[in-house]
């Protein structure tokens, strides 16, 4: 769908990549509930097929020809949830920083900050309010494949994954969960999110919204 927050849903193009990707992340508990450690990832992609005359065929975006992406970084996780599978109270805070540069074998040079916060409020034995905030900051020239994306099964459900993508991403999500019989529950959620090229380009009147209902099964 292109890059940016105002792309046309009726204007899109398909492409077929061949991709190899691998990543390793190590974390060690340094304080109670706090884990910190390094991560390394490698991504290689070739374009097997692109649409004639499209954005990728015209080489308008970094990554249009595929390429190599090598990243090194560090991440920290502070997990105060009462349960990692079905939390009813507590919080989860995640902070990550990665850098990609030709000095480590990458075709793209940029840095990325990821900040995520989840908070859970127990209203009763069967009712939970879950709130999530997610922010991504990128500086430099990332490949379009690695841009922050809005949509998919966890960020702005209801939007196709990659419907909007850019260097900056801002997400606020809320969910009401009701357990009604044994391991079955109902949910209602509402999301607000946007992407932007730079921080100064973010405007509240350009936010995208999504909402819906769902069924939860605790395995």
N, C-alpha and C. Protein backbone atom coordinates (compact mmCIF):
# COMPACT_ATOMS: atom_id res chain seq x y z
N UNK A 1 0.81 -1.21 0.00
CA UNK A 1 0.00 0.00 0.00
C UNK A 1 0.85 1.27 0.00
N UNK A 2 2.15 1.14 -0.12
CA UNK A 2 3.00 2.32 -0.07
C UNK A 2 3.40 2.66 1.35
N UNK A 3 3.93 3.88 1.53
CA UNK A 3 4.44 4.33 2.82
C UNK A 3 3.72 5.60 3.22
N UNK A 4 3.33 5.70 4.50
CA UNK A 4 2.67 6.90 4.99
C UNK A 4 1.33 6.60 5.61
N UNK A 5 0.69 7.65 6.14
CA UNK A 5 -0.56 7.49 6.87
C UNK A 5 -1.79 7.77 6.02
N UNK A 6 -1.61 8.26 4.79
CA UNK A 6 -2.77 8.63 3.97
C UNK A 6 -2.78 7.87 2.64
N UNK A 7 -2.24 6.67 2.60
CA UNK A 7 -2.23 5.89 1.36
C UNK A 7 -3.64 5.39 1.04
N UNK A 8 -3.89 5.16 -0.24
CA UNK A 8 -5.20 4.76 -0.73
C UNK A 8 -5.37 3.25 -0.61
N UNK A 9 -6.44 2.81 0.05
CA UNK A 9 -6.69 1.38 0.23
C UNK A 9 -6.95 0.67 -1.10
N UNK A 10 -7.37 1.42 -2.11
CA UNK A 10 -7.67 0.82 -3.42
C UNK A 10 -6.45 0.75 -4.33
N UNK A 11 -5.33 1.29 -3.87
CA UNK A 11 -4.10 1.29 -4.67
C UNK A 11 -3.05 0.46 -3.92
N UNK A 12 -2.82 -0.74 -4.39
CA UNK A 12 -1.84 -1.63 -3.75
C UNK A 12 -1.17 -2.47 -4.83
N UNK A 13 -0.09 -3.12 -4.45
CA UNK A 13 0.59 -4.00 -5.39
C UNK A 13 1.13 -5.21 -4.65
N UNK A 14 1.18 -6.33 -5.35
CA UNK A 14 1.69 -7.57 -4.78
C UNK A 14 3.16 -7.76 -5.16
N UNK A 15 3.89 -8.45 -4.31
CA UNK A 15 5.26 -8.81 -4.64
C UNK A 15 5.57 -10.15 -3.99
N UNK A 16 6.52 -10.87 -4.56
CA UNK A 16 6.90 -12.18 -4.05
C UNK A 16 8.37 -12.17 -3.65
N UNK A 17 8.67 -12.21 -2.36
CA UNK A 17 10.06 -12.24 -1.91
C UNK A 17 10.52 -13.64 -1.54
N UNK A 18 11.82 -13.84 -1.59
CA UNK A 18 12.44 -15.02 -0.98
C UNK A 18 13.26 -14.52 0.19
N UNK A 19 12.99 -15.04 1.36
CA UNK A 19 13.55 -14.45 2.57
C UNK A 19 14.20 -15.51 3.46
N UNK A 20 15.34 -15.14 4.05
CA UNK A 20 15.95 -15.91 5.12
C UNK A 20 16.15 -14.97 6.29
N UNK A 21 15.73 -15.39 7.47
CA UNK A 21 15.87 -14.53 8.65
C UNK A 21 16.21 -15.38 9.86
N UNK A 22 17.03 -14.83 10.74
CA UNK A 22 17.40 -15.52 11.97
C UNK A 22 17.66 -14.47 13.05
N UNK A 23 17.34 -14.82 14.29
CA UNK A 23 17.59 -13.88 15.39
C UNK A 23 17.87 -14.65 16.67
N UNK A 24 18.68 -14.04 17.52
CA UNK A 24 19.02 -14.61 18.82
C UNK A 24 18.90 -13.51 19.86
N UNK A 25 18.22 -13.82 20.95
CA UNK A 25 18.06 -12.84 22.03
C UNK A 25 18.37 -13.53 23.36
N UNK A 26 19.22 -12.91 24.16
CA UNK A 26 19.58 -13.44 25.48
C UNK A 26 19.20 -12.42 26.54
N UNK A 27 18.57 -12.90 27.62
CA UNK A 27 18.22 -12.00 28.72
C UNK A 27 18.56 -12.67 30.05
N UNK A 28 19.04 -11.85 30.95
CA UNK A 28 19.39 -12.34 32.28
C UNK A 28 18.68 -11.48 33.33
N UNK A 29 18.17 -12.13 34.35
CA UNK A 29 17.50 -11.39 35.42
C UNK A 29 18.56 -10.72 36.29
N UNK A 30 18.53 -9.39 36.33
CA UNK A 30 19.51 -8.66 37.14
C UNK A 30 18.90 -8.13 38.43
N UNK A 31 17.60 -7.91 38.43
CA UNK A 31 16.85 -7.58 39.64
C UNK A 31 15.55 -8.38 39.59
N UNK A 32 14.79 -8.35 40.64
CA UNK A 32 13.52 -9.06 40.66
C UNK A 32 12.61 -8.55 39.55
N UNK A 33 12.18 -9.46 38.68
CA UNK A 33 11.26 -9.19 37.57
C UNK A 33 11.89 -8.38 36.43
N UNK A 34 13.17 -8.02 36.52
CA UNK A 34 13.83 -7.22 35.49
C UNK A 34 14.88 -8.07 34.76
N UNK A 35 14.71 -8.19 33.43
CA UNK A 35 15.65 -8.96 32.61
C UNK A 35 16.22 -8.06 31.52
N UNK A 36 17.53 -8.16 31.30
CA UNK A 36 18.23 -7.33 30.33
C UNK A 36 19.20 -8.20 29.56
N UNK A 37 19.37 -7.90 28.26
CA UNK A 37 20.33 -8.67 27.49
C UNK A 37 20.43 -8.21 26.05
N UNK A 38 21.41 -8.76 25.31
CA UNK A 38 21.65 -8.37 23.92
C UNK A 38 20.81 -9.18 22.94
N UNK A 39 20.70 -8.67 21.73
CA UNK A 39 20.05 -9.42 20.66
C UNK A 39 20.76 -9.14 19.34
N UNK A 40 20.74 -10.14 18.47
CA UNK A 40 21.37 -10.06 17.16
C UNK A 40 20.39 -10.65 16.15
N UNK A 41 20.27 -10.02 14.98
CA UNK A 41 19.39 -10.56 13.95
C UNK A 41 20.00 -10.34 12.57
N UNK A 42 19.61 -11.24 11.66
CA UNK A 42 20.08 -11.15 10.27
C UNK A 42 18.91 -11.46 9.36
N UNK A 43 18.80 -10.67 8.28
CA UNK A 43 17.67 -10.78 7.35
C UNK A 43 18.21 -10.61 5.94
N UNK A 44 17.89 -11.56 5.07
CA UNK A 44 18.29 -11.46 3.67
C UNK A 44 17.07 -11.73 2.80
N UNK A 45 16.89 -10.87 1.80
CA UNK A 45 15.72 -11.01 0.95
C UNK A 45 16.06 -10.73 -0.51
N UNK A 46 15.51 -11.57 -1.39
CA UNK A 46 15.56 -11.34 -2.84
C UNK A 46 14.14 -11.15 -3.34
N UNK A 47 13.98 -10.29 -4.32
CA UNK A 47 12.68 -10.09 -4.92
C UNK A 47 12.51 -11.06 -6.09
N UNK A 48 11.63 -12.05 -5.92
CA UNK A 48 11.39 -13.01 -6.99
C UNK A 48 10.48 -12.44 -8.06
N UNK A 49 9.54 -11.59 -7.64
CA UNK A 49 8.59 -11.03 -8.60
C UNK A 49 7.98 -9.75 -8.03
N UNK A 50 7.89 -8.72 -8.87
CA UNK A 50 7.21 -7.48 -8.50
C UNK A 50 6.28 -7.08 -9.64
N UNK A 51 5.34 -6.21 -9.36
CA UNK A 51 4.40 -5.77 -10.37
C UNK A 51 5.07 -4.77 -11.32
N UNK A 52 4.90 -4.98 -12.61
CA UNK A 52 5.48 -4.08 -13.62
C UNK A 52 4.93 -2.67 -13.43
N UNK A 53 5.83 -1.70 -13.42
CA UNK A 53 5.43 -0.31 -13.30
C UNK A 53 5.08 0.14 -11.90
N UNK A 54 5.20 -0.76 -10.91
CA UNK A 54 4.84 -0.41 -9.54
C UNK A 54 5.96 0.30 -8.79
N UNK A 55 5.69 0.58 -7.52
CA UNK A 55 6.66 1.30 -6.68
C UNK A 55 7.96 0.53 -6.59
N UNK A 56 7.88 -0.79 -6.40
CA UNK A 56 9.08 -1.60 -6.25
C UNK A 56 9.83 -1.73 -7.56
N UNK A 57 9.10 -1.88 -8.67
CA UNK A 57 9.74 -1.98 -9.98
C UNK A 57 10.48 -0.69 -10.32
N UNK A 58 9.96 0.44 -9.84
CA UNK A 58 10.59 1.74 -10.12
C UNK A 58 11.69 2.06 -9.10
N UNK A 59 11.93 1.17 -8.14
CA UNK A 59 13.00 1.33 -7.14
C UNK A 59 12.82 2.61 -6.33
N UNK A 60 11.59 2.92 -5.97
CA UNK A 60 11.33 4.17 -5.26
C UNK A 60 11.58 4.07 -3.75
N UNK A 61 11.67 2.85 -3.23
CA UNK A 61 11.82 2.67 -1.79
C UNK A 61 13.10 1.92 -1.47
N UNK A 62 13.78 2.26 -0.37
CA UNK A 62 14.89 1.43 0.09
C UNK A 62 14.40 0.01 0.35
N UNK A 63 15.11 -0.97 -0.17
CA UNK A 63 14.68 -2.35 -0.03
C UNK A 63 13.91 -2.87 -1.23
N UNK A 64 13.71 -2.05 -2.25
CA UNK A 64 12.97 -2.49 -3.44
C UNK A 64 13.63 -3.68 -4.12
N UNK A 65 14.95 -3.78 -4.01
CA UNK A 65 15.68 -4.92 -4.57
C UNK A 65 15.97 -6.00 -3.53
N UNK A 66 15.37 -5.88 -2.34
CA UNK A 66 15.74 -6.77 -1.25
C UNK A 66 17.02 -6.29 -0.61
N UNK A 67 17.85 -7.22 -0.16
CA UNK A 67 19.13 -6.84 0.43
C UNK A 67 19.38 -7.54 1.75
N UNK A 68 20.51 -7.16 2.38
CA UNK A 68 20.92 -7.73 3.66
C UNK A 68 20.67 -6.73 4.77
N UNK A 69 20.16 -7.24 5.88
CA UNK A 69 19.95 -6.41 7.06
C UNK A 69 20.54 -7.13 8.26
N UNK A 70 21.54 -6.51 8.87
CA UNK A 70 22.13 -7.04 10.10
C UNK A 70 21.90 -6.03 11.22
N UNK A 71 21.47 -6.52 12.38
CA UNK A 71 21.16 -5.64 13.50
C UNK A 71 21.72 -6.20 14.79
N UNK A 72 22.20 -5.31 15.64
CA UNK A 72 22.59 -5.67 16.99
C UNK A 72 21.90 -4.69 17.93
N UNK A 73 21.58 -5.15 19.12
CA UNK A 73 20.88 -4.27 20.03
C UNK A 73 20.85 -4.81 21.44
N UNK A 74 20.02 -4.16 22.25
CA UNK A 74 19.85 -4.55 23.64
C UNK A 74 18.39 -4.32 24.01
N UNK A 75 17.87 -5.15 24.89
CA UNK A 75 16.49 -5.02 25.31
C UNK A 75 16.37 -5.26 26.81
N UNK A 76 15.31 -4.68 27.38
CA UNK A 76 15.03 -4.85 28.80
C UNK A 76 13.54 -5.12 28.97
N UNK A 77 13.22 -6.03 29.86
CA UNK A 77 11.83 -6.39 30.14
C UNK A 77 11.61 -6.38 31.64
N UNK A 78 10.61 -5.60 32.08
CA UNK A 78 10.22 -5.56 33.49
C UNK A 78 8.82 -6.14 33.58
N UNK A 79 8.69 -7.35 34.10
CA UNK A 79 7.44 -8.10 34.06
C UNK A 79 6.88 -8.25 35.48
N UNK A 80 5.79 -7.52 35.75
CA UNK A 80 5.14 -7.60 37.06
C UNK A 80 3.75 -8.20 36.96
N UNK A 81 3.47 -8.96 35.90
CA UNK A 81 2.16 -9.57 35.72
C UNK A 81 1.97 -10.74 36.69
N UNK A 82 0.73 -10.97 37.08
CA UNK A 82 0.45 -12.08 37.98
C UNK A 82 0.43 -13.42 37.25
N UNK A 83 0.26 -13.38 35.91
CA UNK A 83 0.23 -14.60 35.10
C UNK A 83 0.62 -14.22 33.68
N UNK A 84 1.56 -14.97 33.07
CA UNK A 84 2.03 -14.59 31.73
C UNK A 84 1.08 -15.05 30.64
N UNK A 85 0.18 -16.02 30.94
CA UNK A 85 -0.75 -16.53 29.94
C UNK A 85 -2.04 -15.73 29.93
N UNK A 86 -2.63 -15.51 31.11
CA UNK A 86 -3.88 -14.77 31.21
C UNK A 86 -3.78 -13.81 32.39
N UNK A 87 -3.05 -12.70 32.23
CA UNK A 87 -2.87 -11.78 33.36
C UNK A 87 -4.16 -11.08 33.75
N UNK A 88 -4.33 -10.90 35.05
CA UNK A 88 -5.49 -10.18 35.58
C UNK A 88 -5.09 -8.90 36.31
N UNK A 89 -3.81 -8.79 36.63
CA UNK A 89 -3.30 -7.59 37.28
C UNK A 89 -1.80 -7.49 37.01
N UNK A 90 -1.25 -6.32 37.30
CA UNK A 90 0.18 -6.12 37.09
C UNK A 90 0.49 -5.37 35.81
N UNK A 91 1.76 -5.36 35.44
CA UNK A 91 2.20 -4.60 34.27
C UNK A 91 3.39 -5.27 33.61
N UNK A 92 3.59 -4.91 32.34
CA UNK A 92 4.74 -5.40 31.56
C UNK A 92 5.31 -4.22 30.79
N UNK A 93 6.59 -3.93 31.02
CA UNK A 93 7.26 -2.83 30.34
C UNK A 93 8.43 -3.38 29.54
N UNK A 94 8.50 -3.02 28.25
CA UNK A 94 9.56 -3.49 27.37
C UNK A 94 10.23 -2.31 26.68
N UNK A 95 11.56 -2.35 26.65
CA UNK A 95 12.35 -1.31 26.00
C UNK A 95 13.41 -1.98 25.14
N UNK A 96 13.49 -1.58 23.87
CA UNK A 96 14.47 -2.18 22.98
C UNK A 96 15.15 -1.14 22.11
N UNK A 97 16.43 -1.36 21.84
CA UNK A 97 17.21 -0.48 20.97
C UNK A 97 18.05 -1.36 20.04
N UNK A 98 18.00 -1.07 18.73
CA UNK A 98 18.81 -1.80 17.76
C UNK A 98 19.47 -0.83 16.79
N UNK A 99 20.60 -1.24 16.25
CA UNK A 99 21.31 -0.44 15.27
C UNK A 99 21.69 -1.34 14.09
N UNK A 100 21.56 -0.79 12.90
CA UNK A 100 21.96 -1.47 11.67
C UNK A 100 22.93 -0.56 10.92
N UNK A 101 24.03 -1.14 10.43
CA UNK A 101 25.05 -0.30 9.79
C UNK A 101 25.90 -1.18 8.87
N UNK A 102 26.51 -0.53 7.85
CA UNK A 102 27.36 -1.29 6.92
C UNK A 102 28.59 -1.85 7.61
N UNK A 103 28.96 -1.31 8.77
CA UNK A 103 30.11 -1.83 9.50
C UNK A 103 29.87 -3.25 10.01
N UNK A 104 28.61 -3.65 10.14
CA UNK A 104 28.31 -5.01 10.59
C UNK A 104 27.68 -5.83 9.47
N UNK A 105 27.84 -5.38 8.21
CA UNK A 105 27.40 -6.15 7.07
C UNK A 105 26.00 -5.86 6.58
N UNK A 106 25.44 -4.72 6.95
CA UNK A 106 24.07 -4.38 6.55
C UNK A 106 24.07 -3.45 5.35
N UNK A 107 23.08 -3.61 4.48
CA UNK A 107 22.91 -2.69 3.35
C UNK A 107 22.14 -1.44 3.74
N UNK A 108 21.63 -1.39 4.96
CA UNK A 108 20.81 -0.27 5.42
C UNK A 108 21.34 0.24 6.75
N UNK A 109 21.33 1.56 6.92
CA UNK A 109 21.85 2.16 8.14
C UNK A 109 20.74 2.94 8.84
N UNK A 110 20.36 2.47 10.03
CA UNK A 110 19.33 3.15 10.82
C UNK A 110 19.33 2.60 12.24
N UNK A 111 18.67 3.31 13.12
CA UNK A 111 18.52 2.87 14.51
C UNK A 111 17.02 2.82 14.84
N UNK A 112 16.68 1.97 15.79
CA UNK A 112 15.29 1.78 16.16
C UNK A 112 15.15 1.73 17.67
N UNK A 113 14.16 2.47 18.19
CA UNK A 113 13.75 2.39 19.59
C UNK A 113 12.33 1.82 19.63
N UNK A 114 12.11 0.82 20.46
CA UNK A 114 10.77 0.27 20.68
C UNK A 114 10.44 0.36 22.16
N UNK A 115 9.28 0.94 22.46
CA UNK A 115 8.82 1.08 23.84
C UNK A 115 7.40 0.53 23.91
N UNK A 116 7.15 -0.39 24.84
CA UNK A 116 5.82 -0.98 24.98
C UNK A 116 5.47 -1.10 26.46
N UNK A 117 4.24 -0.76 26.78
CA UNK A 117 3.75 -0.86 28.16
C UNK A 117 2.38 -1.51 28.16
N UNK A 118 2.21 -2.52 29.00
CA UNK A 118 0.91 -3.15 29.20
C UNK A 118 0.54 -3.06 30.68
N UNK A 119 -0.74 -2.76 30.92
CA UNK A 119 -1.22 -2.65 32.30
C UNK A 119 -2.57 -3.35 32.40
N UNK A 120 -2.73 -4.11 33.48
CA UNK A 120 -3.94 -4.90 33.67
C UNK A 120 -4.61 -4.51 34.98
N UNK A 121 -5.94 -4.34 34.93
CA UNK A 121 -6.73 -3.94 36.09
C UNK A 121 -7.84 -4.97 36.30
N UNK A 122 -7.88 -5.57 37.46
CA UNK A 122 -8.89 -6.58 37.77
C UNK A 122 -10.08 -5.89 38.42
N UNK A 123 -11.23 -5.93 37.75
CA UNK A 123 -12.45 -5.33 38.28
C UNK A 123 -13.19 -6.28 39.21
N UNK A 124 -13.07 -7.58 38.92
CA UNK A 124 -13.68 -8.62 39.73
C UNK A 124 -13.00 -9.94 39.37
N UNK A 125 -13.50 -11.05 39.90
CA UNK A 125 -12.89 -12.33 39.59
C UNK A 125 -13.03 -12.73 38.13
N UNK A 126 -13.96 -12.11 37.41
CA UNK A 126 -14.20 -12.48 36.02
C UNK A 126 -14.04 -11.33 35.04
N UNK A 127 -13.68 -10.14 35.53
CA UNK A 127 -13.58 -8.98 34.65
C UNK A 127 -12.20 -8.34 34.74
N UNK A 128 -11.62 -8.05 33.57
CA UNK A 128 -10.29 -7.45 33.50
C UNK A 128 -10.29 -6.35 32.44
N UNK A 129 -9.64 -5.25 32.75
CA UNK A 129 -9.37 -4.20 31.77
C UNK A 129 -7.88 -4.26 31.43
N UNK A 130 -7.56 -4.37 30.14
CA UNK A 130 -6.17 -4.41 29.69
C UNK A 130 -5.90 -3.19 28.81
N UNK A 131 -4.80 -2.50 29.07
CA UNK A 131 -4.41 -1.31 28.31
C UNK A 131 -2.99 -1.50 27.81
N UNK A 132 -2.76 -1.12 26.55
CA UNK A 132 -1.43 -1.27 25.96
C UNK A 132 -1.05 -0.02 25.18
N UNK A 133 0.16 0.45 25.39
CA UNK A 133 0.73 1.55 24.61
C UNK A 133 1.99 1.07 23.93
N UNK A 134 2.16 1.45 22.67
CA UNK A 134 3.32 1.00 21.89
C UNK A 134 3.82 2.16 21.05
N UNK A 135 5.13 2.39 21.11
CA UNK A 135 5.75 3.47 20.35
C UNK A 135 7.02 2.94 19.69
N UNK A 136 7.22 3.27 18.41
CA UNK A 136 8.44 2.92 17.68
C UNK A 136 9.02 4.19 17.07
N UNK A 137 10.30 4.40 17.28
CA UNK A 137 11.02 5.53 16.69
C UNK A 137 12.16 4.98 15.83
N UNK A 138 12.23 5.40 14.56
CA UNK A 138 13.33 5.03 13.69
C UNK A 138 14.04 6.27 13.18
N UNK A 139 15.35 6.20 13.11
CA UNK A 139 16.16 7.29 12.58
C UNK A 139 17.14 6.72 11.57
N UNK A 140 17.23 7.35 10.41
CA UNK A 140 18.07 6.84 9.35
C UNK A 140 17.24 6.43 8.15
N UNK A 141 17.72 5.43 7.40
CA UNK A 141 17.05 4.99 6.17
C UNK A 141 16.79 3.50 6.23
N UNK A 142 15.70 3.08 6.86
CA UNK A 142 15.39 1.65 6.91
C UNK A 142 14.78 1.15 5.61
N UNK A 143 14.91 -0.14 5.35
CA UNK A 143 14.23 -0.76 4.22
C UNK A 143 12.73 -0.77 4.49
N UNK A 144 11.93 -0.73 3.44
CA UNK A 144 10.49 -0.67 3.64
C UNK A 144 9.98 -1.91 4.38
N UNK A 145 10.69 -3.04 4.25
CA UNK A 145 10.27 -4.26 4.94
C UNK A 145 10.37 -4.14 6.46
N UNK A 146 11.24 -3.25 6.93
CA UNK A 146 11.48 -3.15 8.37
C UNK A 146 10.80 -1.94 8.99
N UNK A 147 10.07 -1.16 8.20
CA UNK A 147 9.35 -0.01 8.76
C UNK A 147 8.31 -0.49 9.77
N UNK A 148 8.01 0.37 10.74
CA UNK A 148 6.97 0.05 11.70
C UNK A 148 5.63 -0.06 10.98
N UNK A 149 4.88 -1.13 11.27
CA UNK A 149 3.65 -1.40 10.53
C UNK A 149 2.44 -1.39 11.45
N UNK A 150 1.37 -0.85 10.93
CA UNK A 150 0.09 -0.84 11.62
C UNK A 150 -0.80 -1.92 10.99
N UNK A 151 -1.47 -2.71 11.82
CA UNK A 151 -2.34 -3.76 11.32
C UNK A 151 -1.84 -5.13 11.70
N UNK A 152 -2.68 -6.15 11.52
CA UNK A 152 -2.31 -7.51 11.84
C UNK A 152 -3.12 -8.07 12.99
N UNK A 153 -2.60 -9.12 13.63
CA UNK A 153 -3.38 -9.80 14.66
C UNK A 153 -3.14 -9.26 16.06
N UNK A 154 -2.25 -8.27 16.22
CA UNK A 154 -2.00 -7.75 17.57
C UNK A 154 -1.97 -6.22 17.63
N UNK A 155 -1.66 -5.56 16.53
CA UNK A 155 -1.63 -4.09 16.50
C UNK A 155 -2.69 -3.60 15.52
N UNK A 156 -3.78 -3.05 16.04
CA UNK A 156 -4.88 -2.57 15.20
C UNK A 156 -5.53 -3.71 14.43
N UNK A 157 -6.08 -4.68 15.17
CA UNK A 157 -6.84 -5.76 14.55
C UNK A 157 -7.98 -5.15 13.73
N UNK A 158 -8.21 -5.71 12.56
CA UNK A 158 -9.20 -5.15 11.65
C UNK A 158 -8.55 -4.47 10.46
N UNK A 159 -7.26 -4.12 10.60
CA UNK A 159 -6.49 -3.57 9.49
C UNK A 159 -5.53 -4.66 8.98
N UNK A 160 -5.39 -4.74 7.66
CA UNK A 160 -4.45 -5.68 7.06
C UNK A 160 -3.03 -5.33 7.53
N UNK A 161 -2.24 -6.34 7.86
CA UNK A 161 -0.88 -6.11 8.33
C UNK A 161 -0.07 -5.36 7.28
N UNK A 162 0.46 -4.21 7.65
CA UNK A 162 1.20 -3.38 6.70
C UNK A 162 0.34 -2.40 5.93
N UNK A 163 -0.95 -2.29 6.33
CA UNK A 163 -1.82 -1.33 5.64
C UNK A 163 -1.22 0.07 5.70
N UNK A 164 -0.63 0.42 6.83
CA UNK A 164 0.11 1.68 6.97
C UNK A 164 1.47 1.35 7.56
N UNK A 165 2.51 1.99 7.01
CA UNK A 165 3.86 1.77 7.54
C UNK A 165 4.69 3.04 7.38
N UNK A 166 5.57 3.27 8.35
CA UNK A 166 6.46 4.44 8.34
C UNK A 166 7.53 4.27 9.41
N UNK A 167 8.35 5.31 9.59
CA UNK A 167 9.44 5.23 10.55
C UNK A 167 8.96 5.36 12.00
N UNK A 168 7.85 6.06 12.23
CA UNK A 168 7.34 6.26 13.58
C UNK A 168 5.97 5.58 13.70
N UNK A 169 5.72 4.96 14.85
CA UNK A 169 4.45 4.29 15.09
C UNK A 169 3.97 4.62 16.50
N UNK A 170 2.68 4.93 16.62
CA UNK A 170 2.07 5.26 17.90
C UNK A 170 0.78 4.45 18.03
N UNK A 171 0.65 3.67 19.10
CA UNK A 171 -0.51 2.80 19.26
C UNK A 171 -1.02 2.89 20.70
N UNK A 172 -2.34 2.99 20.85
CA UNK A 172 -2.99 2.91 22.16
C UNK A 172 -4.15 1.93 22.02
N UNK A 173 -4.15 0.89 22.86
CA UNK A 173 -5.17 -0.15 22.78
C UNK A 173 -5.80 -0.39 24.14
N UNK A 174 -7.08 -0.66 24.14
CA UNK A 174 -7.79 -1.01 25.36
C UNK A 174 -8.69 -2.20 25.12
N UNK A 175 -8.81 -3.09 26.13
CA UNK A 175 -9.62 -4.29 25.96
C UNK A 175 -10.31 -4.63 27.27
N UNK A 176 -11.60 -4.95 27.16
CA UNK A 176 -12.39 -5.42 28.30
C UNK A 176 -12.59 -6.92 28.15
N UNK A 177 -12.25 -7.68 29.19
CA UNK A 177 -12.33 -9.13 29.15
C UNK A 177 -13.27 -9.63 30.23
N UNK A 178 -14.18 -10.51 29.81
CA UNK A 178 -15.17 -11.07 30.72
C UNK A 178 -15.15 -12.58 30.63
N UNK A 179 -14.77 -13.25 31.71
CA UNK A 179 -14.85 -14.70 31.75
C UNK A 179 -16.25 -15.11 32.17
N UNK A 180 -16.90 -15.96 31.37
CA UNK A 180 -18.30 -16.26 31.67
C UNK A 180 -18.56 -17.74 31.94
N UNK A 181 -17.65 -18.64 31.53
CA UNK A 181 -17.88 -20.06 31.81
C UNK A 181 -16.57 -20.82 31.69
N UNK A 182 -16.08 -21.32 32.84
CA UNK A 182 -14.86 -22.09 32.89
C UNK A 182 -13.71 -21.37 32.18
N UNK A 183 -13.25 -21.90 31.02
CA UNK A 183 -12.10 -21.31 30.33
C UNK A 183 -12.51 -20.44 29.14
N UNK A 184 -13.78 -20.11 29.04
CA UNK A 184 -14.27 -19.28 27.94
C UNK A 184 -14.52 -17.86 28.42
N UNK A 185 -14.25 -16.90 27.53
CA UNK A 185 -14.46 -15.50 27.87
C UNK A 185 -14.81 -14.68 26.64
N UNK A 186 -15.38 -13.51 26.88
CA UNK A 186 -15.70 -12.56 25.82
C UNK A 186 -14.84 -11.33 25.97
N UNK A 187 -14.56 -10.64 24.87
CA UNK A 187 -13.77 -9.42 24.90
C UNK A 187 -14.40 -8.35 24.02
N UNK A 188 -14.13 -7.13 24.38
CA UNK A 188 -14.46 -5.98 23.53
C UNK A 188 -13.22 -5.09 23.52
N UNK A 189 -12.79 -4.64 22.33
CA UNK A 189 -11.56 -3.87 22.26
C UNK A 189 -11.73 -2.63 21.38
N UNK A 190 -10.89 -1.66 21.65
CA UNK A 190 -10.84 -0.44 20.85
C UNK A 190 -9.39 -0.01 20.73
N UNK A 191 -8.97 0.38 19.51
CA UNK A 191 -7.59 0.75 19.23
C UNK A 191 -7.54 2.09 18.52
N UNK A 192 -6.49 2.84 18.79
CA UNK A 192 -6.20 4.07 18.06
C UNK A 192 -4.72 4.08 17.75
N UNK A 193 -4.34 4.38 16.50
CA UNK A 193 -2.93 4.31 16.10
C UNK A 193 -2.68 5.18 14.89
N UNK A 194 -1.40 5.48 14.66
CA UNK A 194 -1.01 6.23 13.49
C UNK A 194 0.47 6.00 13.23
N UNK A 195 0.89 6.28 12.01
CA UNK A 195 2.31 6.25 11.63
C UNK A 195 2.70 7.63 11.12
N UNK A 196 3.99 7.92 11.16
CA UNK A 196 4.49 9.21 10.67
C UNK A 196 5.95 9.06 10.28
N UNK A 197 6.40 9.93 9.37
CA UNK A 197 7.80 9.89 8.95
C UNK A 197 8.71 10.45 10.04
N UNK A 198 8.32 11.58 10.62
CA UNK A 198 9.04 12.19 11.72
C UNK A 198 8.07 12.46 12.87
N UNK A 199 8.61 12.67 14.06
CA UNK A 199 7.77 12.93 15.22
C UNK A 199 6.88 14.15 14.99
N UNK A 200 7.41 15.19 14.33
CA UNK A 200 6.65 16.41 14.10
C UNK A 200 5.48 16.20 13.14
N UNK A 201 5.49 15.08 12.39
CA UNK A 201 4.42 14.81 11.44
C UNK A 201 3.21 14.14 12.06
N UNK A 202 3.29 13.79 13.35
CA UNK A 202 2.18 13.11 14.01
C UNK A 202 1.11 14.13 14.39
N UNK A 203 -0.15 13.84 14.01
CA UNK A 203 -1.28 14.73 14.33
C UNK A 203 -2.46 13.88 14.79
N UNK A 204 -3.11 14.31 15.86
CA UNK A 204 -4.22 13.55 16.43
C UNK A 204 -5.38 13.40 15.45
N UNK A 205 -5.58 14.40 14.58
CA UNK A 205 -6.72 14.32 13.66
C UNK A 205 -6.49 13.34 12.50
N UNK A 206 -5.31 12.71 12.44
CA UNK A 206 -5.03 11.72 11.41
C UNK A 206 -5.01 10.29 11.96
N UNK A 207 -5.41 10.14 13.23
CA UNK A 207 -5.38 8.82 13.85
C UNK A 207 -6.35 7.86 13.15
N UNK A 208 -5.97 6.59 13.15
CA UNK A 208 -6.83 5.53 12.63
C UNK A 208 -7.41 4.75 13.81
N UNK A 209 -8.65 4.28 13.67
CA UNK A 209 -9.35 3.64 14.78
C UNK A 209 -9.87 2.27 14.36
N UNK A 210 -9.95 1.37 15.33
CA UNK A 210 -10.48 0.03 15.10
C UNK A 210 -11.15 -0.45 16.38
N UNK A 211 -12.10 -1.34 16.25
CA UNK A 211 -12.79 -1.89 17.41
C UNK A 211 -13.44 -3.19 17.03
N UNK A 212 -13.79 -3.98 18.04
CA UNK A 212 -14.46 -5.24 17.74
C UNK A 212 -14.74 -6.06 18.98
N UNK A 213 -15.29 -7.24 18.75
CA UNK A 213 -15.63 -8.19 19.80
C UNK A 213 -14.92 -9.50 19.52
N UNK A 214 -14.70 -10.28 20.55
CA UNK A 214 -14.02 -11.54 20.34
C UNK A 214 -14.34 -12.57 21.41
N UNK A 215 -13.92 -13.80 21.18
CA UNK A 215 -14.07 -14.91 22.09
C UNK A 215 -12.68 -15.37 22.50
N UNK A 216 -12.47 -15.56 23.80
CA UNK A 216 -11.17 -16.01 24.31
C UNK A 216 -11.31 -17.41 24.90
N UNK A 217 -10.33 -18.24 24.59
CA UNK A 217 -10.29 -19.60 25.15
C UNK A 217 -8.94 -19.76 25.85
N UNK A 218 -8.96 -20.05 27.13
CA UNK A 218 -7.72 -20.23 27.90
C UNK A 218 -7.32 -21.70 27.84
N UNK A 219 -6.19 -21.98 27.19
CA UNK A 219 -5.70 -23.36 27.05
C UNK A 219 -4.74 -23.69 28.20
